[in-house]
Amino acid sequence: MKCMYCGCPDSKVIDSRSAEDGTIIRRRRECINCGKRFTTYETVENTPVFVVKSNGARQVFDPNKVKNGIIKACEKRAVPASKIDKLVDDIQKKIYNSLAQEISSKEIGEMVCEGLKDIDEVAYVRFASVYRSFTDTSSFMKELENIMKKGK
């Protein structure tokens, strides 16, 4: 790491500490040349993942959009915020761990549906009705019947 005072490319690490929930490492350094100390922060580089929408448009993956959709589906339901946050974190980890540069919005929707099934069936049906665009009551009833079969 280059010294910010004299520009020397050599420095030694005096202290390293984890910061911000372990996602950042704070390093205290000392310049070999001038002896002055400075702090650097090390983070993991996130390569952007693009979401391919059904119309072919691409946009950068935003976990807040996923969270907002889940919150709307869980509205007026007794679903703890911690479960919503965990579901969003799990989906985000799956997406980044896949190492793919693009993911379809359909795949993300399926991940949300699978997660909501385990958390709250009503929230699942709400999300699925918008996500899967049920066109009539028969397609809606088929989904409800599938849920009821699995529940027995």
N, C-alpha and C. Protein backbone atom coordinates (compact mmCIF):
# COMPACT_ATOMS: atom_id res chain seq x y z
N MET A 1 0.85 -1.18 0.00
CA MET A 1 0.00 0.00 0.00
C MET A 1 0.89 1.23 0.00
N LYS A 2 0.63 2.13 -0.88
CA LYS A 2 1.43 3.35 -1.04
C LYS A 2 1.16 4.32 0.12
N CYS A 3 2.22 4.88 0.69
CA CYS A 3 2.09 5.86 1.78
C CYS A 3 1.44 7.13 1.25
N MET A 4 0.46 7.64 1.99
CA MET A 4 -0.24 8.84 1.54
C MET A 4 0.57 10.11 1.80
N TYR A 5 1.66 10.00 2.60
CA TYR A 5 2.47 11.17 2.91
C TYR A 5 3.68 11.33 1.98
N CYS A 6 4.43 10.22 1.79
CA CYS A 6 5.65 10.34 0.97
C CYS A 6 5.57 9.55 -0.34
N GLY A 7 4.53 8.73 -0.51
CA GLY A 7 4.36 7.98 -1.75
C GLY A 7 5.17 6.70 -1.82
N CYS A 8 5.84 6.34 -0.76
CA CYS A 8 6.63 5.10 -0.74
C CYS A 8 5.70 3.90 -0.87
N PRO A 9 6.04 2.93 -1.74
CA PRO A 9 5.15 1.78 -1.95
C PRO A 9 5.22 0.72 -0.85
N ASP A 10 6.13 0.89 0.11
CA ASP A 10 6.29 -0.11 1.17
C ASP A 10 5.75 0.38 2.50
N SER A 11 4.92 -0.45 3.13
CA SER A 11 4.42 -0.15 4.47
C SER A 11 4.21 -1.47 5.18
N LYS A 12 4.16 -1.40 6.50
CA LYS A 12 3.92 -2.61 7.27
C LYS A 12 2.62 -2.45 8.05
N VAL A 13 1.91 -3.58 8.22
CA VAL A 13 0.65 -3.58 8.94
C VAL A 13 0.97 -3.69 10.43
N ILE A 14 0.45 -2.74 11.20
CA ILE A 14 0.66 -2.73 12.65
C ILE A 14 -0.50 -3.41 13.36
N ASP A 15 -1.72 -3.17 12.85
CA ASP A 15 -2.91 -3.71 13.51
C ASP A 15 -4.00 -3.94 12.46
N SER A 16 -4.74 -5.05 12.61
CA SER A 16 -5.88 -5.34 11.74
C SER A 16 -7.09 -5.62 12.61
N ARG A 17 -8.20 -5.02 12.25
CA ARG A 17 -9.44 -5.24 12.99
C ARG A 17 -10.61 -5.35 12.03
N SER A 18 -11.58 -6.13 12.44
CA SER A 18 -12.80 -6.28 11.66
C SER A 18 -13.70 -5.09 11.97
N ALA A 19 -14.38 -4.60 10.95
CA ALA A 19 -15.31 -3.48 11.12
C ALA A 19 -16.60 -3.78 10.36
N GLU A 20 -17.68 -3.15 10.77
CA GLU A 20 -18.99 -3.27 10.11
C GLU A 20 -19.40 -4.71 9.86
N ASP A 21 -19.65 -5.44 10.92
CA ASP A 21 -20.15 -6.82 10.85
C ASP A 21 -19.22 -7.77 10.10
N GLY A 22 -17.94 -7.50 10.12
CA GLY A 22 -16.99 -8.40 9.50
C GLY A 22 -16.88 -8.28 7.99
N THR A 23 -17.53 -7.29 7.40
CA THR A 23 -17.48 -7.11 5.95
C THR A 23 -16.33 -6.22 5.51
N ILE A 24 -15.71 -5.54 6.47
CA ILE A 24 -14.60 -4.64 6.18
C ILE A 24 -13.47 -4.92 7.17
N ILE A 25 -12.24 -4.87 6.69
CA ILE A 25 -11.08 -5.01 7.57
C ILE A 25 -10.36 -3.66 7.62
N ARG A 26 -10.18 -3.17 8.83
CA ARG A 26 -9.47 -1.90 9.05
C ARG A 26 -8.03 -2.24 9.37
N ARG A 27 -7.10 -1.66 8.63
CA ARG A 27 -5.68 -1.93 8.86
C ARG A 27 -4.96 -0.62 9.21
N ARG A 28 -4.20 -0.69 10.28
CA ARG A 28 -3.35 0.43 10.67
C ARG A 28 -1.97 0.12 10.12
N ARG A 29 -1.42 1.03 9.32
CA ARG A 29 -0.14 0.80 8.65
C ARG A 29 0.89 1.84 9.06
N GLU A 30 2.17 1.47 8.88
CA GLU A 30 3.27 2.39 9.12
C GLU A 30 4.18 2.36 7.91
N CYS A 31 4.51 3.53 7.41
CA CYS A 31 5.39 3.65 6.24
C CYS A 31 6.81 3.25 6.62
N ILE A 32 7.43 2.45 5.77
CA ILE A 32 8.81 2.01 5.98
C ILE A 32 9.78 3.19 5.81
N ASN A 33 9.45 4.11 4.89
CA ASN A 33 10.33 5.23 4.55
C ASN A 33 10.25 6.37 5.57
N CYS A 34 9.05 6.93 5.78
CA CYS A 34 8.92 8.12 6.62
C CYS A 34 8.45 7.84 8.05
N GLY A 35 7.94 6.63 8.29
CA GLY A 35 7.53 6.26 9.64
C GLY A 35 6.15 6.75 10.05
N LYS A 36 5.47 7.48 9.18
CA LYS A 36 4.14 7.98 9.52
C LYS A 36 3.12 6.85 9.41
N ARG A 37 2.05 6.99 10.18
CA ARG A 37 1.00 5.96 10.22
C ARG A 37 -0.25 6.44 9.49
N PHE A 38 -0.95 5.46 8.90
CA PHE A 38 -2.20 5.75 8.21
C PHE A 38 -3.08 4.51 8.25
N THR A 39 -4.36 4.71 7.98
CA THR A 39 -5.35 3.63 8.05
C THR A 39 -5.88 3.32 6.67
N THR A 40 -6.03 2.03 6.38
CA THR A 40 -6.66 1.59 5.13
C THR A 40 -7.83 0.67 5.47
N TYR A 41 -8.76 0.57 4.55
CA TYR A 41 -9.92 -0.30 4.72
C TYR A 41 -9.96 -1.26 3.55
N GLU A 42 -10.17 -2.53 3.85
CA GLU A 42 -10.20 -3.58 2.83
C GLU A 42 -11.61 -4.17 2.78
N THR A 43 -12.19 -4.21 1.57
CA THR A 43 -13.52 -4.80 1.39
C THR A 43 -13.48 -5.78 0.22
N VAL A 44 -14.46 -6.63 0.18
CA VAL A 44 -14.59 -7.56 -0.93
C VAL A 44 -15.19 -6.80 -2.10
N GLU A 45 -14.61 -7.00 -3.26
CA GLU A 45 -15.12 -6.33 -4.45
C GLU A 45 -16.34 -7.08 -4.96
N ASN A 46 -17.45 -6.37 -5.07
CA ASN A 46 -18.67 -6.96 -5.60
C ASN A 46 -18.78 -6.68 -7.08
N THR A 47 -18.80 -7.73 -7.88
CA THR A 47 -19.05 -7.52 -9.30
C THR A 47 -20.56 -7.46 -9.46
N PRO A 48 -21.04 -6.50 -10.21
CA PRO A 48 -22.49 -6.36 -10.31
C PRO A 48 -23.13 -7.55 -11.02
N VAL A 49 -24.28 -7.94 -10.51
CA VAL A 49 -25.08 -8.98 -11.13
C VAL A 49 -26.27 -8.27 -11.78
N PHE A 50 -26.51 -8.59 -13.04
CA PHE A 50 -27.61 -7.95 -13.76
C PHE A 50 -28.84 -8.85 -13.78
N VAL A 51 -29.99 -8.23 -13.54
CA VAL A 51 -31.27 -8.93 -13.60
C VAL A 51 -31.83 -8.72 -14.99
N VAL A 52 -32.15 -9.83 -15.65
CA VAL A 52 -32.74 -9.77 -16.99
C VAL A 52 -34.25 -9.87 -16.81
N LYS A 53 -34.94 -8.79 -17.13
CA LYS A 53 -36.40 -8.74 -16.98
C LYS A 53 -37.06 -9.52 -18.12
N SER A 54 -38.36 -9.76 -17.98
CA SER A 54 -39.09 -10.54 -18.98
C SER A 54 -39.12 -9.85 -20.35
N ASN A 55 -39.00 -8.52 -20.36
CA ASN A 55 -38.99 -7.79 -21.64
C ASN A 55 -37.58 -7.67 -22.23
N GLY A 56 -36.58 -8.28 -21.56
CA GLY A 56 -35.21 -8.25 -22.06
C GLY A 56 -34.36 -7.14 -21.49
N ALA A 57 -34.98 -6.20 -20.78
CA ALA A 57 -34.21 -5.11 -20.17
C ALA A 57 -33.33 -5.66 -19.05
N ARG A 58 -32.20 -5.00 -18.85
CA ARG A 58 -31.27 -5.42 -17.81
C ARG A 58 -31.08 -4.28 -16.82
N GLN A 59 -31.01 -4.66 -15.53
CA GLN A 59 -30.70 -3.68 -14.50
C GLN A 59 -29.91 -4.37 -13.40
N VAL A 60 -29.16 -3.58 -12.64
CA VAL A 60 -28.32 -4.11 -11.59
C VAL A 60 -29.22 -4.68 -10.47
N PHE A 61 -28.84 -5.87 -9.97
CA PHE A 61 -29.59 -6.51 -8.89
C PHE A 61 -29.61 -5.61 -7.67
N ASP A 62 -30.80 -5.41 -7.12
CA ASP A 62 -30.99 -4.58 -5.94
C ASP A 62 -31.77 -5.36 -4.90
N PRO A 63 -31.10 -5.82 -3.82
CA PRO A 63 -31.81 -6.60 -2.81
C PRO A 63 -32.95 -5.84 -2.14
N ASN A 64 -32.91 -4.51 -2.17
CA ASN A 64 -33.99 -3.71 -1.58
C ASN A 64 -35.29 -3.90 -2.34
N LYS A 65 -35.21 -4.11 -3.65
CA LYS A 65 -36.43 -4.35 -4.44
C LYS A 65 -37.05 -5.68 -4.04
N VAL A 66 -36.20 -6.68 -3.83
CA VAL A 66 -36.68 -8.00 -3.39
C VAL A 66 -37.35 -7.85 -2.03
N LYS A 67 -36.69 -7.13 -1.13
CA LYS A 67 -37.22 -6.94 0.22
C LYS A 67 -38.56 -6.22 0.19
N ASN A 68 -38.67 -5.18 -0.63
CA ASN A 68 -39.94 -4.43 -0.72
C ASN A 68 -41.08 -5.31 -1.22
N GLY A 69 -40.80 -6.18 -2.19
CA GLY A 69 -41.82 -7.10 -2.68
C GLY A 69 -42.27 -8.08 -1.61
N ILE A 70 -41.33 -8.57 -0.83
CA ILE A 70 -41.65 -9.50 0.25
C ILE A 70 -42.45 -8.79 1.34
N ILE A 71 -42.06 -7.57 1.66
CA ILE A 71 -42.78 -6.79 2.68
C ILE A 71 -44.22 -6.56 2.25
N LYS A 72 -44.45 -6.25 0.98
CA LYS A 72 -45.81 -6.05 0.48
C LYS A 72 -46.63 -7.33 0.60
N ALA A 73 -46.01 -8.46 0.29
CA ALA A 73 -46.71 -9.74 0.38
C ALA A 73 -47.04 -10.10 1.83
N CYS A 74 -46.19 -9.66 2.76
CA CYS A 74 -46.37 -9.99 4.18
C CYS A 74 -47.16 -8.92 4.94
N GLU A 75 -47.66 -7.92 4.22
CA GLU A 75 -48.39 -6.84 4.86
C GLU A 75 -49.57 -7.37 5.66
N LYS A 76 -49.71 -6.87 6.89
CA LYS A 76 -50.78 -7.25 7.82
C LYS A 76 -50.75 -8.73 8.19
N ARG A 77 -49.57 -9.33 8.10
CA ARG A 77 -49.36 -10.71 8.52
C ARG A 77 -48.38 -10.69 9.68
N ALA A 78 -48.43 -11.71 10.51
CA ALA A 78 -47.54 -11.79 11.68
C ALA A 78 -46.20 -12.41 11.29
N VAL A 79 -45.51 -11.76 10.36
CA VAL A 79 -44.21 -12.26 9.91
C VAL A 79 -43.14 -11.33 10.50
N PRO A 80 -42.25 -11.88 11.34
CA PRO A 80 -41.20 -11.05 11.93
C PRO A 80 -40.25 -10.49 10.88
N ALA A 81 -39.80 -9.28 11.12
CA ALA A 81 -38.85 -8.64 10.20
C ALA A 81 -37.57 -9.46 10.06
N SER A 82 -37.20 -10.16 11.11
CA SER A 82 -35.98 -10.98 11.07
C SER A 82 -36.09 -12.09 10.03
N LYS A 83 -37.29 -12.65 9.87
CA LYS A 83 -37.49 -13.70 8.86
C LYS A 83 -37.42 -13.13 7.45
N ILE A 84 -37.95 -11.94 7.27
CA ILE A 84 -37.89 -11.27 5.97
C ILE A 84 -36.43 -10.97 5.63
N ASP A 85 -35.70 -10.42 6.60
CA ASP A 85 -34.29 -10.10 6.37
C ASP A 85 -33.48 -11.35 6.05
N LYS A 86 -33.76 -12.44 6.76
CA LYS A 86 -33.03 -13.69 6.51
C LYS A 86 -33.33 -14.22 5.11
N LEU A 87 -34.59 -14.14 4.68
CA LEU A 87 -34.95 -14.59 3.34
C LEU A 87 -34.23 -13.76 2.28
N VAL A 88 -34.21 -12.45 2.46
CA VAL A 88 -33.51 -11.57 1.51
C VAL A 88 -32.02 -11.90 1.49
N ASP A 89 -31.43 -12.09 2.67
CA ASP A 89 -30.00 -12.44 2.75
C ASP A 89 -29.72 -13.77 2.05
N ASP A 90 -30.60 -14.76 2.27
CA ASP A 90 -30.42 -16.07 1.64
C ASP A 90 -30.48 -15.97 0.11
N ILE A 91 -31.44 -15.20 -0.38
CA ILE A 91 -31.58 -15.01 -1.83
C ILE A 91 -30.35 -14.28 -2.39
N GLN A 92 -29.92 -13.25 -1.68
CA GLN A 92 -28.74 -12.49 -2.12
C GLN A 92 -27.50 -13.39 -2.16
N LYS A 93 -27.32 -14.23 -1.15
CA LYS A 93 -26.18 -15.15 -1.12
C LYS A 93 -26.24 -16.14 -2.27
N LYS A 94 -27.44 -16.69 -2.54
CA LYS A 94 -27.58 -17.63 -3.66
C LYS A 94 -27.19 -16.97 -4.98
N ILE A 95 -27.63 -15.75 -5.16
CA ILE A 95 -27.36 -15.05 -6.41
C ILE A 95 -25.86 -14.77 -6.57
N TYR A 96 -25.23 -14.24 -5.52
CA TYR A 96 -23.80 -13.93 -5.62
C TYR A 96 -22.94 -15.19 -5.63
N ASN A 97 -23.36 -16.23 -4.92
CA ASN A 97 -22.58 -17.48 -4.90
C ASN A 97 -22.67 -18.26 -6.20
N SER A 98 -23.67 -17.96 -7.01
CA SER A 98 -23.80 -18.64 -8.30
C SER A 98 -22.69 -18.21 -9.27
N LEU A 99 -22.07 -17.06 -8.98
CA LEU A 99 -21.00 -16.48 -9.80
C LEU A 99 -21.46 -16.10 -11.20
N ALA A 100 -22.76 -16.11 -11.44
CA ALA A 100 -23.29 -15.70 -12.73
C ALA A 100 -23.33 -14.18 -12.79
N GLN A 101 -23.12 -13.65 -13.98
CA GLN A 101 -23.18 -12.20 -14.14
C GLN A 101 -24.59 -11.71 -14.42
N GLU A 102 -25.46 -12.66 -14.81
CA GLU A 102 -26.85 -12.31 -15.09
C GLU A 102 -27.76 -13.37 -14.48
N ILE A 103 -28.94 -12.92 -14.05
CA ILE A 103 -29.96 -13.82 -13.53
C ILE A 103 -31.30 -13.28 -13.99
N SER A 104 -32.21 -14.17 -14.31
CA SER A 104 -33.51 -13.71 -14.79
C SER A 104 -34.40 -13.33 -13.60
N SER A 105 -35.29 -12.40 -13.83
CA SER A 105 -36.21 -11.99 -12.77
C SER A 105 -37.11 -13.17 -12.38
N LYS A 106 -37.33 -14.08 -13.33
CA LYS A 106 -38.14 -15.27 -13.05
C LYS A 106 -37.46 -16.14 -11.99
N GLU A 107 -36.13 -16.32 -12.10
CA GLU A 107 -35.40 -17.12 -11.12
C GLU A 107 -35.48 -16.48 -9.73
N ILE A 108 -35.36 -15.17 -9.67
CA ILE A 108 -35.46 -14.47 -8.39
C ILE A 108 -36.86 -14.64 -7.81
N GLY A 109 -37.88 -14.51 -8.66
CA GLY A 109 -39.26 -14.69 -8.21
C GLY A 109 -39.50 -16.09 -7.65
N GLU A 110 -38.91 -17.10 -8.29
CA GLU A 110 -39.05 -18.48 -7.79
C GLU A 110 -38.37 -18.64 -6.43
N MET A 111 -37.22 -18.00 -6.26
CA MET A 111 -36.54 -18.07 -4.96
C MET A 111 -37.40 -17.44 -3.86
N VAL A 112 -38.02 -16.31 -4.18
CA VAL A 112 -38.89 -15.64 -3.21
C VAL A 112 -40.09 -16.53 -2.89
N CYS A 113 -40.70 -17.11 -3.92
CA CYS A 113 -41.86 -17.99 -3.70
C CYS A 113 -41.50 -19.16 -2.79
N GLU A 114 -40.38 -19.81 -3.06
CA GLU A 114 -39.95 -20.95 -2.25
C GLU A 114 -39.73 -20.54 -0.80
N GLY A 115 -39.13 -19.38 -0.60
CA GLY A 115 -38.88 -18.90 0.75
C GLY A 115 -40.15 -18.53 1.48
N LEU A 116 -41.08 -17.88 0.77
CA LEU A 116 -42.34 -17.47 1.40
C LEU A 116 -43.23 -18.66 1.74
N LYS A 117 -43.13 -19.75 0.98
CA LYS A 117 -43.92 -20.95 1.29
C LYS A 117 -43.63 -21.42 2.71
N ASP A 118 -42.36 -21.36 3.09
CA ASP A 118 -41.96 -21.83 4.42
C ASP A 118 -42.27 -20.82 5.52
N ILE A 119 -42.38 -19.56 5.17
CA ILE A 119 -42.61 -18.52 6.18
C ILE A 119 -44.10 -18.30 6.44
N ASP A 120 -44.87 -18.08 5.38
CA ASP A 120 -46.29 -17.75 5.54
C ASP A 120 -47.02 -18.06 4.23
N GLU A 121 -47.98 -18.95 4.29
CA GLU A 121 -48.68 -19.39 3.08
C GLU A 121 -49.50 -18.27 2.45
N VAL A 122 -50.10 -17.41 3.28
CA VAL A 122 -50.89 -16.31 2.73
C VAL A 122 -49.98 -15.33 1.98
N ALA A 123 -48.84 -15.03 2.58
CA ALA A 123 -47.88 -14.14 1.91
C ALA A 123 -47.39 -14.77 0.61
N TYR A 124 -47.19 -16.09 0.64
CA TYR A 124 -46.78 -16.81 -0.57
C TYR A 124 -47.83 -16.64 -1.66
N VAL A 125 -49.09 -16.86 -1.33
CA VAL A 125 -50.17 -16.75 -2.33
C VAL A 125 -50.26 -15.32 -2.86
N ARG A 126 -50.11 -14.35 -1.98
CA ARG A 126 -50.15 -12.95 -2.41
C ARG A 126 -49.03 -12.67 -3.42
N PHE A 127 -47.82 -13.09 -3.07
CA PHE A 127 -46.68 -12.84 -3.95
C PHE A 127 -46.85 -13.59 -5.26
N ALA A 128 -47.24 -14.86 -5.17
CA ALA A 128 -47.39 -15.69 -6.36
C ALA A 128 -48.49 -15.15 -7.29
N SER A 129 -49.54 -14.59 -6.71
CA SER A 129 -50.63 -14.08 -7.55
C SER A 129 -50.16 -12.91 -8.41
N VAL A 130 -49.26 -12.10 -7.89
CA VAL A 130 -48.72 -10.98 -8.67
C VAL A 130 -47.60 -11.49 -9.58
N TYR A 131 -46.68 -12.28 -9.01
CA TYR A 131 -45.52 -12.75 -9.74
C TYR A 131 -45.91 -13.66 -10.91
N ARG A 132 -46.80 -14.59 -10.66
CA ARG A 132 -47.20 -15.54 -11.70
C ARG A 132 -48.35 -15.04 -12.55
N SER A 133 -48.84 -13.86 -12.26
CA SER A 133 -49.91 -13.21 -13.04
C SER A 133 -51.09 -14.15 -13.28
N PHE A 134 -51.71 -14.60 -12.19
CA PHE A 134 -52.89 -15.45 -12.34
C PHE A 134 -53.92 -14.69 -13.16
N THR A 135 -54.35 -15.31 -14.24
CA THR A 135 -55.27 -14.62 -15.15
C THR A 135 -56.73 -14.83 -14.80
N ASP A 136 -57.00 -15.92 -14.10
CA ASP A 136 -58.39 -16.19 -13.71
C ASP A 136 -58.42 -16.94 -12.38
N THR A 137 -59.62 -17.15 -11.88
CA THR A 137 -59.75 -17.80 -10.58
C THR A 137 -59.34 -19.27 -10.60
N SER A 138 -59.46 -19.93 -11.75
CA SER A 138 -59.10 -21.35 -11.81
C SER A 138 -57.60 -21.56 -11.60
N SER A 139 -56.77 -20.70 -12.18
CA SER A 139 -55.33 -20.83 -11.97
C SER A 139 -54.97 -20.49 -10.52
N PHE A 140 -55.70 -19.56 -9.95
CA PHE A 140 -55.49 -19.21 -8.54
C PHE A 140 -55.89 -20.38 -7.64
N MET A 141 -57.01 -21.01 -7.96
CA MET A 141 -57.49 -22.15 -7.17
C MET A 141 -56.54 -23.34 -7.27
N LYS A 142 -55.96 -23.56 -8.45
CA LYS A 142 -54.98 -24.66 -8.60
C LYS A 142 -53.82 -24.48 -7.65
N GLU A 143 -53.34 -23.26 -7.54
CA GLU A 143 -52.22 -22.98 -6.63
C GLU A 143 -52.63 -23.21 -5.19
N LEU A 144 -53.83 -22.77 -4.83
CA LEU A 144 -54.32 -23.00 -3.46
C LEU A 144 -54.48 -24.50 -3.17
N GLU A 145 -54.97 -25.25 -4.15
CA GLU A 145 -55.12 -26.69 -3.96
C GLU A 145 -53.76 -27.38 -3.77
N ASN A 146 -52.75 -26.93 -4.51
CA ASN A 146 -51.40 -27.47 -4.34
C ASN A 146 -50.89 -27.23 -2.92
N ILE A 147 -51.14 -26.05 -2.40
CA ILE A 147 -50.71 -25.72 -1.04
C ILE A 147 -51.44 -26.60 -0.04
N MET A 148 -52.74 -26.77 -0.25
CA MET A 148 -53.53 -27.56 0.69
C MET A 148 -53.12 -29.04 0.67
N LYS A 149 -52.77 -29.56 -0.50
CA LYS A 149 -52.30 -30.94 -0.60
C LYS A 149 -51.00 -31.14 0.17
N LYS A 150 -50.09 -30.19 0.03
CA LYS A 150 -48.80 -30.30 0.72
C LYS A 150 -48.96 -30.14 2.22
N GLY A 151 -49.98 -29.40 2.65
CA GLY A 151 -50.22 -29.20 4.06
C GLY A 151 -50.77 -30.41 4.78
N LYS A 152 -51.39 -31.33 4.04
CA LYS A 152 -52.01 -32.51 4.66
C LYS A 152 -51.03 -33.60 4.92
